[in-house]
């Protein structure tokens, strides 16, 4: 049973911790993965990318198919 707290979501959250959007990409959610990656890249120039980084990790961990 996949869902919040499952091994797949934990792996996705860990991947998103290192690269925003990578966890969503592993879950097969291409559009949100691309959006988070691009937004984090843009916001890191003004030191606000950590917000998107956290959102990406939490979003991957809490996702239910």
Protein backbone atom coordinates (compact mmCIF):
# COMPACT_ATOMS: atom_id res chain seq x y z
CA UNK A 1 0.00 0.00 0.00
CA UNK A 2 1.60 3.25 -1.14
CA UNK A 3 0.82 6.41 0.74
CA UNK A 4 2.06 8.75 3.41
CA UNK A 5 4.88 7.13 5.35
CA UNK A 6 5.48 4.40 2.77
CA UNK A 7 9.01 3.52 1.71
CA UNK A 8 8.46 5.08 -1.71
CA UNK A 9 7.48 8.41 -0.20
CA UNK A 10 10.44 8.36 2.18
CA UNK A 11 12.79 7.76 -0.75
CA UNK A 12 11.07 10.53 -2.74
CA UNK A 13 11.41 12.95 0.19
CA UNK A 14 15.12 12.13 0.50
CA UNK A 15 15.63 12.72 -3.21
CA UNK A 16 13.81 16.05 -3.00
CA UNK A 17 16.02 17.02 -0.06
CA UNK A 18 19.03 16.98 -2.37
CA UNK A 19 17.40 18.23 -5.59
CA UNK A 20 13.99 19.93 -5.42
CA UNK A 21 11.48 18.13 -7.62
CA UNK A 22 13.46 14.89 -7.93
CA UNK A 23 11.15 13.09 -5.51
CA UNK A 24 8.10 14.16 -7.47
CA UNK A 25 9.81 12.98 -10.65
CA UNK A 26 10.35 9.56 -9.05
CA UNK A 27 6.64 9.49 -8.20
CA UNK A 28 5.79 10.18 -11.85
CA UNK A 29 4.58 13.76 -11.35
CA UNK A 30 6.50 15.53 -14.10
CA UNK A 31 4.80 18.94 -14.11
CA UNK A 32 5.10 19.62 -10.36
CA UNK A 33 8.69 18.31 -10.44
CA UNK A 34 9.65 20.70 -13.21
CA UNK A 35 7.83 23.59 -11.52
CA UNK A 36 9.58 23.04 -8.17
CA UNK A 37 13.00 22.62 -9.77
CA UNK A 38 12.73 25.79 -11.84
CA UNK A 39 11.21 27.85 -9.03
CA UNK A 40 13.91 26.74 -6.57
CA UNK A 41 16.64 27.57 -9.09
CA UNK A 42 15.22 31.05 -9.61
CA UNK A 43 14.69 31.76 -5.91
CA UNK A 44 18.17 30.59 -4.85
CA UNK A 45 19.50 33.75 -6.48
CA UNK A 46 17.80 35.79 -3.76
CA UNK A 47 18.43 33.23 -0.99
CA UNK A 48 14.80 32.13 -0.80
CA UNK A 49 15.21 28.77 -2.53
CA UNK A 50 15.19 26.95 0.79
CA UNK A 51 11.42 27.57 0.98
CA UNK A 52 10.85 25.63 -2.25
CA UNK A 53 13.31 23.00 -1.06
CA UNK A 54 11.23 22.40 2.08
CA UNK A 55 7.98 22.45 0.13
CA UNK A 56 9.40 19.85 -2.27
CA UNK A 57 10.43 17.50 0.54
CA UNK A 58 7.11 17.78 2.38
CA UNK A 59 5.10 17.46 -0.82
CA UNK A 60 6.91 14.24 -1.77
CA UNK A 61 6.57 12.76 1.70
CA UNK A 62 2.85 13.49 2.07
CA UNK A 63 1.68 12.56 -1.47
CA UNK A 64 -1.00 9.89 -1.86
CA UNK A 65 -1.55 8.27 -5.26
